[in-house]
Structures are given as C-alpha cells and as structure tokens.
N, C-alpha and C. Protein backbone atom coordinates (compact mmCIF):
# COMPACT_ATOMS: atom_id res chain seq x y z
N MET A 1 18.43 -1.57 -11.32
CA MET A 1 17.94 -2.64 -10.49
C MET A 1 17.56 -3.80 -11.40
N ASP A 2 17.84 -4.97 -10.99
CA ASP A 2 17.48 -6.19 -11.69
C ASP A 2 15.96 -6.26 -11.84
N ASN A 3 15.48 -6.64 -13.05
CA ASN A 3 14.03 -6.71 -13.28
C ASN A 3 13.33 -7.63 -12.31
N SER A 4 13.98 -8.72 -11.92
CA SER A 4 13.34 -9.64 -10.98
C SER A 4 13.04 -8.95 -9.65
N LEU A 5 13.91 -8.02 -9.23
CA LEU A 5 13.65 -7.29 -7.99
C LEU A 5 12.50 -6.30 -8.15
N VAL A 6 12.40 -5.70 -9.34
CA VAL A 6 11.29 -4.79 -9.60
C VAL A 6 9.98 -5.57 -9.50
N TYR A 7 9.94 -6.75 -10.12
CA TYR A 7 8.74 -7.58 -10.06
C TYR A 7 8.44 -8.01 -8.62
N LEU A 8 9.49 -8.32 -7.87
CA LEU A 8 9.31 -8.70 -6.46
C LEU A 8 8.68 -7.56 -5.67
N TRP A 9 9.22 -6.35 -5.81
CA TRP A 9 8.69 -5.20 -5.07
C TRP A 9 7.26 -4.86 -5.50
N ALA A 10 7.00 -4.91 -6.79
CA ALA A 10 5.64 -4.60 -7.27
C ALA A 10 4.66 -5.67 -6.78
N GLY A 11 5.07 -6.93 -6.85
CA GLY A 11 4.21 -8.01 -6.36
C GLY A 11 3.94 -7.88 -4.88
N LEU A 12 4.98 -7.54 -4.13
CA LEU A 12 4.83 -7.34 -2.70
C LEU A 12 3.86 -6.20 -2.41
N ALA A 13 3.97 -5.12 -3.15
CA ALA A 13 3.07 -3.99 -2.97
C ALA A 13 1.62 -4.39 -3.24
N ILE A 14 1.41 -5.19 -4.28
CA ILE A 14 0.05 -5.63 -4.63
C ILE A 14 -0.52 -6.50 -3.51
N TRP A 15 0.26 -7.45 -3.02
CA TRP A 15 -0.22 -8.33 -1.96
C TRP A 15 -0.42 -7.58 -0.65
N LEU A 16 0.49 -6.68 -0.32
CA LEU A 16 0.33 -5.89 0.91
C LEU A 16 -0.93 -5.03 0.85
N ALA A 17 -1.21 -4.46 -0.32
CA ALA A 17 -2.42 -3.66 -0.47
C ALA A 17 -3.65 -4.51 -0.22
N TRP A 18 -3.67 -5.70 -0.76
CA TRP A 18 -4.82 -6.59 -0.60
C TRP A 18 -5.01 -6.97 0.87
N ILE A 19 -3.92 -7.36 1.53
CA ILE A 19 -3.99 -7.75 2.95
C ILE A 19 -4.41 -6.56 3.81
N TRP A 20 -3.82 -5.39 3.53
CA TRP A 20 -4.12 -4.19 4.31
C TRP A 20 -5.60 -3.84 4.21
N VAL A 21 -6.17 -3.92 3.01
CA VAL A 21 -7.59 -3.62 2.83
C VAL A 21 -8.44 -4.61 3.62
N ALA A 22 -8.10 -5.89 3.54
CA ALA A 22 -8.88 -6.89 4.26
C ALA A 22 -8.88 -6.61 5.76
N ILE A 23 -7.72 -6.30 6.30
CA ILE A 23 -7.62 -6.02 7.74
C ILE A 23 -8.41 -4.77 8.10
N TRP A 24 -8.18 -3.67 7.37
CA TRP A 24 -8.83 -2.40 7.72
C TRP A 24 -10.33 -2.44 7.51
N GLN A 25 -10.80 -3.12 6.49
CA GLN A 25 -12.25 -3.19 6.31
C GLN A 25 -12.90 -3.97 7.44
N GLY A 26 -12.20 -4.98 7.94
CA GLY A 26 -12.72 -5.71 9.10
C GLY A 26 -12.78 -4.81 10.33
N ILE A 27 -11.73 -4.02 10.54
CA ILE A 27 -11.70 -3.10 11.69
C ILE A 27 -12.80 -2.03 11.55
N LEU A 28 -12.94 -1.50 10.34
CA LEU A 28 -13.97 -0.48 10.11
C LEU A 28 -15.36 -1.04 10.34
N ALA A 29 -15.61 -2.25 9.85
CA ALA A 29 -16.92 -2.87 10.03
C ALA A 29 -17.20 -3.11 11.52
N LYS A 30 -16.22 -3.56 12.25
CA LYS A 30 -16.38 -3.80 13.69
C LYS A 30 -16.72 -2.50 14.41
N GLN A 31 -15.98 -1.44 14.11
CA GLN A 31 -16.23 -0.14 14.74
C GLN A 31 -17.64 0.35 14.42
N ALA A 32 -18.04 0.23 13.17
CA ALA A 32 -19.37 0.69 12.76
C ALA A 32 -20.46 -0.10 13.46
N MET A 33 -20.29 -1.41 13.56
CA MET A 33 -21.30 -2.25 14.23
C MET A 33 -21.43 -1.89 15.71
N GLU A 34 -20.31 -1.58 16.36
CA GLU A 34 -20.35 -1.19 17.77
C GLU A 34 -21.14 0.11 17.94
N VAL A 35 -20.89 1.08 17.07
CA VAL A 35 -21.59 2.36 17.17
C VAL A 35 -23.07 2.18 16.83
N MET A 36 -23.36 1.38 15.79
CA MET A 36 -24.77 1.15 15.43
C MET A 36 -25.51 0.45 16.56
N GLY A 37 -24.82 -0.46 17.26
CA GLY A 37 -25.45 -1.16 18.37
C GLY A 37 -25.78 -0.23 19.53
N LYS A 38 -24.99 0.82 19.70
CA LYS A 38 -25.24 1.78 20.79
C LYS A 38 -26.45 2.66 20.50
N ASN A 39 -26.73 2.91 19.22
CA ASN A 39 -27.82 3.81 18.85
C ASN A 39 -28.53 3.27 17.61
N PRO A 40 -29.40 2.26 17.79
CA PRO A 40 -30.07 1.65 16.64
C PRO A 40 -30.92 2.61 15.80
N LYS A 41 -31.41 3.68 16.41
CA LYS A 41 -32.23 4.64 15.66
C LYS A 41 -31.44 5.32 14.54
N MET A 42 -30.13 5.43 14.72
CA MET A 42 -29.30 6.10 13.72
C MET A 42 -28.49 5.11 12.88
N SER A 43 -28.82 3.83 12.94
CA SER A 43 -28.00 2.83 12.26
C SER A 43 -27.98 3.02 10.74
N THR A 44 -29.08 3.46 10.13
CA THR A 44 -29.09 3.70 8.69
C THR A 44 -28.13 4.84 8.34
N PHE A 45 -28.14 5.88 9.12
CA PHE A 45 -27.25 7.01 8.90
C PHE A 45 -25.80 6.58 9.09
N PHE A 46 -25.52 5.80 10.15
CA PHE A 46 -24.16 5.31 10.40
C PHE A 46 -23.70 4.37 9.29
N LEU A 47 -24.63 3.60 8.73
CA LEU A 47 -24.27 2.70 7.63
C LEU A 47 -23.80 3.50 6.41
N THR A 48 -24.46 4.61 6.13
CA THR A 48 -24.05 5.48 5.03
C THR A 48 -22.63 5.99 5.23
N ILE A 49 -22.34 6.42 6.44
CA ILE A 49 -20.99 6.91 6.75
C ILE A 49 -19.97 5.79 6.62
N THR A 50 -20.33 4.58 7.07
CA THR A 50 -19.41 3.44 6.98
C THR A 50 -19.09 3.10 5.54
N ILE A 51 -20.09 3.18 4.66
CA ILE A 51 -19.85 2.91 3.24
C ILE A 51 -18.88 3.95 2.66
N LEU A 52 -19.06 5.21 3.01
CA LEU A 52 -18.13 6.26 2.59
C LEU A 52 -16.73 5.98 3.11
N TRP A 53 -16.64 5.60 4.35
CA TRP A 53 -15.38 5.31 5.02
C TRP A 53 -14.64 4.19 4.31
N ILE A 54 -15.33 3.10 4.00
CA ILE A 54 -14.71 1.97 3.32
C ILE A 54 -14.28 2.36 1.91
N ALA A 55 -15.07 3.19 1.23
CA ALA A 55 -14.69 3.66 -0.10
C ALA A 55 -13.39 4.46 -0.06
N LEU A 56 -13.19 5.23 0.98
CA LEU A 56 -11.96 6.01 1.11
C LEU A 56 -10.75 5.11 1.33
N VAL A 57 -10.93 4.05 2.11
CA VAL A 57 -9.84 3.08 2.28
C VAL A 57 -9.52 2.45 0.92
N GLU A 58 -10.54 2.14 0.15
CA GLU A 58 -10.33 1.58 -1.18
C GLU A 58 -9.57 2.54 -2.08
N SER A 59 -9.86 3.84 -2.00
CA SER A 59 -9.17 4.79 -2.87
C SER A 59 -7.68 4.83 -2.57
N ALA A 60 -7.30 4.76 -1.29
CA ALA A 60 -5.88 4.76 -0.95
C ALA A 60 -5.20 3.52 -1.51
N VAL A 61 -5.88 2.39 -1.48
CA VAL A 61 -5.31 1.15 -2.03
C VAL A 61 -5.22 1.23 -3.55
N ILE A 62 -6.17 1.88 -4.17
CA ILE A 62 -6.11 2.04 -5.63
C ILE A 62 -4.86 2.84 -6.00
N TYR A 63 -4.54 3.89 -5.23
CA TYR A 63 -3.31 4.65 -5.50
C TYR A 63 -2.10 3.73 -5.40
N TRP A 64 -2.08 2.90 -4.39
CA TRP A 64 -0.99 1.96 -4.15
C TRP A 64 -0.86 1.00 -5.34
N LEU A 65 -1.98 0.47 -5.81
CA LEU A 65 -1.95 -0.46 -6.95
C LEU A 65 -1.53 0.23 -8.24
N VAL A 66 -1.99 1.46 -8.45
CA VAL A 66 -1.60 2.20 -9.65
C VAL A 66 -0.08 2.35 -9.70
N VAL A 67 0.53 2.68 -8.56
CA VAL A 67 1.99 2.82 -8.52
C VAL A 67 2.66 1.47 -8.76
N ALA A 68 2.15 0.40 -8.16
CA ALA A 68 2.74 -0.93 -8.36
C ALA A 68 2.71 -1.31 -9.84
N PHE A 69 1.58 -1.10 -10.50
CA PHE A 69 1.50 -1.44 -11.92
C PHE A 69 2.36 -0.51 -12.78
N GLN A 70 2.46 0.76 -12.38
CA GLN A 70 3.33 1.68 -13.11
C GLN A 70 4.78 1.21 -13.03
N ILE A 71 5.19 0.71 -11.86
CA ILE A 71 6.53 0.17 -11.70
C ILE A 71 6.74 -1.00 -12.66
N LEU A 72 5.75 -1.87 -12.76
CA LEU A 72 5.86 -3.04 -13.64
C LEU A 72 5.92 -2.64 -15.11
N TRP A 73 5.19 -1.59 -15.49
CA TRP A 73 5.08 -1.22 -16.90
C TRP A 73 6.17 -0.25 -17.36
N THR A 74 6.98 0.24 -16.45
CA THR A 74 7.99 1.23 -16.81
C THR A 74 9.26 0.53 -17.30
N ASP A 75 9.60 0.74 -18.55
CA ASP A 75 10.82 0.16 -19.11
C ASP A 75 12.02 1.01 -18.69
N GLY A 76 13.12 0.37 -18.42
CA GLY A 76 14.36 1.07 -18.15
C GLY A 76 14.47 1.65 -16.75
N LEU A 77 13.61 1.20 -15.85
CA LEU A 77 13.66 1.70 -14.49
C LEU A 77 14.92 1.18 -13.80
N GLN A 78 15.73 2.09 -13.30
CA GLN A 78 17.02 1.72 -12.70
C GLN A 78 17.10 2.19 -11.26
N GLY A 79 18.06 1.65 -10.57
CA GLY A 79 18.30 2.07 -9.20
C GLY A 79 17.16 1.70 -8.29
N PHE A 80 16.99 2.48 -7.26
CA PHE A 80 15.95 2.19 -6.28
C PHE A 80 14.73 3.07 -6.47
N ALA A 81 14.50 3.55 -7.67
CA ALA A 81 13.33 4.40 -7.92
C ALA A 81 12.05 3.65 -7.59
N ALA A 82 11.99 2.36 -7.93
CA ALA A 82 10.78 1.57 -7.63
C ALA A 82 10.56 1.48 -6.13
N VAL A 83 11.62 1.28 -5.39
CA VAL A 83 11.50 1.16 -3.94
C VAL A 83 11.05 2.49 -3.34
N TRP A 84 11.67 3.60 -3.78
CA TRP A 84 11.31 4.91 -3.23
C TRP A 84 9.89 5.31 -3.61
N ALA A 85 9.49 5.00 -4.85
CA ALA A 85 8.11 5.31 -5.26
C ALA A 85 7.12 4.49 -4.44
N GLY A 86 7.44 3.21 -4.23
CA GLY A 86 6.57 2.37 -3.41
C GLY A 86 6.49 2.87 -1.98
N LEU A 87 7.62 3.31 -1.45
CA LEU A 87 7.64 3.86 -0.10
C LEU A 87 6.81 5.14 -0.02
N ALA A 88 6.92 5.99 -1.02
CA ALA A 88 6.16 7.24 -1.03
C ALA A 88 4.66 6.97 -0.99
N ILE A 89 4.20 6.05 -1.82
CA ILE A 89 2.76 5.79 -1.85
C ILE A 89 2.33 4.95 -0.65
N GLY A 90 3.21 4.08 -0.17
CA GLY A 90 2.87 3.28 1.01
C GLY A 90 2.70 4.14 2.25
N LEU A 91 3.60 5.09 2.45
CA LEU A 91 3.48 6.00 3.59
C LEU A 91 2.26 6.90 3.44
N THR A 92 1.96 7.30 2.21
CA THR A 92 0.77 8.11 1.96
C THR A 92 -0.49 7.34 2.30
N ALA A 93 -0.55 6.07 1.87
CA ALA A 93 -1.72 5.25 2.16
C ALA A 93 -1.87 5.06 3.67
N LEU A 94 -0.76 4.82 4.35
CA LEU A 94 -0.80 4.65 5.80
C LEU A 94 -1.31 5.94 6.47
N TRP A 95 -0.80 7.06 6.02
CA TRP A 95 -1.24 8.37 6.52
C TRP A 95 -2.75 8.52 6.36
N ALA A 96 -3.23 8.23 5.15
CA ALA A 96 -4.65 8.38 4.86
C ALA A 96 -5.49 7.47 5.76
N TRP A 97 -5.08 6.21 5.87
CA TRP A 97 -5.88 5.29 6.69
C TRP A 97 -5.90 5.71 8.15
N ILE A 98 -4.79 6.09 8.70
CA ILE A 98 -4.74 6.46 10.12
C ILE A 98 -5.64 7.66 10.38
N TRP A 99 -5.51 8.70 9.56
CA TRP A 99 -6.28 9.91 9.82
C TRP A 99 -7.74 9.78 9.43
N GLU A 100 -8.05 9.00 8.39
CA GLU A 100 -9.45 8.74 8.08
C GLU A 100 -10.09 7.94 9.21
N TRP A 101 -9.34 6.97 9.74
CA TRP A 101 -9.84 6.18 10.86
C TRP A 101 -10.17 7.09 12.04
N LYS A 102 -9.21 7.93 12.43
CA LYS A 102 -9.41 8.81 13.58
C LYS A 102 -10.57 9.77 13.34
N LEU A 103 -10.64 10.34 12.16
CA LEU A 103 -11.67 11.33 11.85
C LEU A 103 -13.06 10.72 11.84
N VAL A 104 -13.23 9.61 11.12
CA VAL A 104 -14.57 9.03 11.01
C VAL A 104 -15.01 8.40 12.33
N ALA A 105 -14.08 7.70 13.01
CA ALA A 105 -14.44 7.12 14.31
C ALA A 105 -14.87 8.21 15.28
N GLY A 106 -14.14 9.32 15.30
CA GLY A 106 -14.50 10.44 16.17
C GLY A 106 -15.84 11.06 15.78
N ALA A 107 -16.08 11.18 14.48
CA ALA A 107 -17.36 11.75 14.02
C ALA A 107 -18.53 10.84 14.39
N LEU A 108 -18.35 9.51 14.23
CA LEU A 108 -19.41 8.58 14.60
C LEU A 108 -19.74 8.68 16.09
N GLU A 109 -18.70 8.74 16.90
CA GLU A 109 -18.92 8.87 18.35
C GLU A 109 -19.59 10.20 18.68
N ALA A 110 -19.16 11.29 18.03
CA ALA A 110 -19.77 12.60 18.28
C ALA A 110 -21.24 12.62 17.86
N MET A 111 -21.55 11.99 16.73
CA MET A 111 -22.94 11.92 16.29
C MET A 111 -23.78 11.06 17.24
N ASN A 112 -23.16 10.00 17.77
CA ASN A 112 -23.86 9.14 18.71
C ASN A 112 -24.20 9.90 20.00
N ARG A 113 -23.27 10.74 20.46
CA ARG A 113 -23.49 11.53 21.68
C ARG A 113 -24.44 12.70 21.44
N ASN A 114 -24.37 13.30 20.24
CA ASN A 114 -25.15 14.51 19.93
C ASN A 114 -25.87 14.34 18.59
N PRO A 115 -26.90 13.50 18.53
CA PRO A 115 -27.57 13.26 17.24
C PRO A 115 -28.17 14.51 16.61
N GLU A 116 -28.48 15.51 17.43
CA GLU A 116 -29.07 16.74 16.88
C GLU A 116 -28.08 17.52 16.02
N PHE A 117 -26.78 17.25 16.17
CA PHE A 117 -25.76 17.94 15.38
C PHE A 117 -25.18 17.07 14.27
N LYS A 118 -25.85 15.97 13.92
CA LYS A 118 -25.28 15.03 12.95
C LYS A 118 -25.02 15.68 11.59
N GLY A 119 -25.87 16.61 11.17
CA GLY A 119 -25.66 17.28 9.88
C GLY A 119 -24.39 18.11 9.87
N LYS A 120 -24.17 18.87 10.92
CA LYS A 120 -22.97 19.70 11.02
C LYS A 120 -21.72 18.83 11.14
N ILE A 121 -21.81 17.80 11.98
CA ILE A 121 -20.66 16.90 12.15
C ILE A 121 -20.33 16.22 10.83
N MET A 122 -21.36 15.79 10.12
CA MET A 122 -21.16 15.12 8.82
C MET A 122 -20.50 16.07 7.82
N SER A 123 -20.93 17.33 7.80
CA SER A 123 -20.34 18.30 6.87
C SER A 123 -18.85 18.49 7.14
N PHE A 124 -18.49 18.66 8.40
CA PHE A 124 -17.07 18.82 8.74
C PHE A 124 -16.29 17.55 8.45
N MET A 125 -16.88 16.40 8.73
CA MET A 125 -16.20 15.13 8.47
C MET A 125 -15.88 14.98 6.98
N VAL A 126 -16.85 15.26 6.12
CA VAL A 126 -16.64 15.12 4.68
C VAL A 126 -15.59 16.12 4.20
N LEU A 127 -15.63 17.35 4.70
CA LEU A 127 -14.63 18.35 4.34
C LEU A 127 -13.22 17.88 4.69
N PHE A 128 -13.04 17.41 5.92
CA PHE A 128 -11.71 16.99 6.34
C PHE A 128 -11.28 15.69 5.67
N LEU A 129 -12.22 14.81 5.34
CA LEU A 129 -11.87 13.60 4.58
C LEU A 129 -11.35 13.98 3.19
N ALA A 130 -11.96 14.99 2.61
CA ALA A 130 -11.49 15.46 1.29
C ALA A 130 -10.06 15.99 1.39
N LEU A 131 -9.75 16.68 2.47
CA LEU A 131 -8.39 17.19 2.64
C LEU A 131 -7.39 16.05 2.82
N ILE A 132 -7.78 15.01 3.53
CA ILE A 132 -6.90 13.85 3.68
C ILE A 132 -6.68 13.18 2.33
N GLU A 133 -7.72 13.08 1.52
CA GLU A 133 -7.59 12.49 0.19
C GLU A 133 -6.66 13.32 -0.70
N VAL A 134 -6.71 14.63 -0.57
CA VAL A 134 -5.80 15.50 -1.34
C VAL A 134 -4.36 15.17 -1.00
N ILE A 135 -4.08 14.96 0.27
CA ILE A 135 -2.72 14.60 0.67
C ILE A 135 -2.33 13.25 0.06
N ALA A 136 -3.27 12.31 0.00
CA ALA A 136 -2.99 11.02 -0.63
C ALA A 136 -2.68 11.20 -2.12
N ILE A 137 -3.37 12.10 -2.77
CA ILE A 137 -3.09 12.37 -4.19
C ILE A 137 -1.70 12.98 -4.34
N TYR A 138 -1.28 13.83 -3.41
CA TYR A 138 0.08 14.36 -3.46
C TYR A 138 1.10 13.22 -3.42
N GLY A 139 0.87 12.23 -2.57
CA GLY A 139 1.76 11.07 -2.50
C GLY A 139 1.82 10.32 -3.82
N LEU A 140 0.68 10.22 -4.49
CA LEU A 140 0.63 9.57 -5.80
C LEU A 140 1.45 10.35 -6.82
N ILE A 141 1.32 11.66 -6.81
CA ILE A 141 2.08 12.51 -7.73
C ILE A 141 3.58 12.38 -7.44
N ILE A 142 3.96 12.38 -6.17
CA ILE A 142 5.37 12.23 -5.81
C ILE A 142 5.91 10.90 -6.31
N ALA A 143 5.13 9.83 -6.13
CA ALA A 143 5.57 8.50 -6.59
C ALA A 143 5.78 8.50 -8.10
N PHE A 144 4.87 9.12 -8.85
CA PHE A 144 5.04 9.19 -10.31
C PHE A 144 6.27 9.99 -10.70
N GLN A 145 6.53 11.07 -9.98
CA GLN A 145 7.72 11.88 -10.28
C GLN A 145 8.99 11.08 -10.01
N ILE A 146 9.01 10.32 -8.93
CA ILE A 146 10.18 9.49 -8.63
C ILE A 146 10.40 8.47 -9.75
N LEU A 147 9.32 7.84 -10.20
CA LEU A 147 9.45 6.85 -11.27
C LEU A 147 9.92 7.51 -12.57
N ASP A 148 9.38 8.67 -12.87
CA ASP A 148 9.77 9.39 -14.09
C ASP A 148 11.25 9.77 -14.04
N LYS A 149 11.70 10.26 -12.91
CA LYS A 149 13.11 10.64 -12.77
C LYS A 149 14.01 9.42 -12.80
N GLY A 150 13.54 8.28 -12.26
CA GLY A 150 14.32 7.04 -12.30
C GLY A 150 14.57 6.58 -13.71
N VAL A 151 13.58 6.72 -14.59
CA VAL A 151 13.75 6.36 -16.00
C VAL A 151 14.69 7.33 -16.68
N ALA A 152 14.54 8.64 -16.38
CA ALA A 152 15.41 9.65 -17.00
C ALA A 152 16.87 9.42 -16.60
N ILE A 153 17.11 9.09 -15.35
CA ILE A 153 18.47 8.82 -14.88
C ILE A 153 19.04 7.58 -15.57
N ALA A 154 18.19 6.57 -15.74
CA ALA A 154 18.63 5.34 -16.41
C ALA A 154 19.00 5.61 -17.85
N GLU A 155 18.23 6.47 -18.54
CA GLU A 155 18.52 6.80 -19.93
C GLU A 155 19.85 7.54 -20.04
N VAL A 156 20.10 8.46 -19.15
CA VAL A 156 21.36 9.21 -19.17
C VAL A 156 22.52 8.27 -18.86
N ALA A 157 22.33 7.37 -17.92
CA ALA A 157 23.41 6.45 -17.52
C ALA A 157 23.79 5.46 -18.63
N THR A 158 22.83 5.12 -19.50
CA THR A 158 23.12 4.16 -20.57
C THR A 158 23.72 4.82 -21.80
N LYS A 159 23.76 6.14 -21.85
CA LYS A 159 24.32 6.82 -23.03
C LYS A 159 25.79 6.99 -22.91
C-alpha cells in the first residue's frame, strides 16, 4: 500500500476516535444527569459510576489510537493490513461502547428503582464491564497480529 494511504487511514482513525469520544461522552453525561435528577439522594453514587463509565470509553479509544500509531510506525507495511487492523480495532471499540452503554445504563436504572440492592448491582456491573474490556483487549491483540503478519508478508514479497 502506498505510504500516503497508510497515513490517510491512520489519520482518519485518530480523528474518528476523537469525534467518537466527544459524542459518546456527551451521551453518557446526558444519561447520567437524567438518572441523577430522578434520584438526587444517590447522585454522588451515580457520579462515581459515570466516571468509571467514561474511563471505559476512554480505554477503548486508547486501543484505537495505539493501533493507529502502530500503523504509522510500522515500516514495510504492505497490502491492506493497515485497513484490516483498523477495522479489527474499530469494530472492537464499537462493540465495547455499545455493550458498556447498555450495561451501565441498565445498572443505573436498576439502582434507581432498587437502591437497597445498589451494592450487588454495582458488583455485577463491574464484573461484566471487565469482561467487555477483555474482549476489547482481544481486538487489540488481533489488530497487532494483522499488522505483524502484514510486515512479514511484505518482507517475503520483496525478497
């Protein structure tokens, strides 16, 4: 692949990550404010969960940026390895955001309806968030493997 296209794809990934975070953090903040408004007594507790939630969105974007920079720093990258690696981490980030959104939004609503069970709900929420993050890490590993194989194929092709 032409280096200019690699730079284009990596730059696009960086900008998309930035835009995606801005949009999702706005959505997360709106959801948290709505739930806090329904139950002001638990707003401090909900704020803690919201901070955790936003940090998880940030971690998915960090994976995306790590892959984008790895694409830029990899010499001899040929073919569409950069595109496939970007797709692998992009789909992983999307997966993480969708399921983290569903999980935390559901947990906040459940805690709002049943404040006496907030400790149990929080424990399950954190456990399942960790499992979603593990899947995101798998996507990161897959992206690195694609990039590594793309360089190996390029080296064989040039010999």
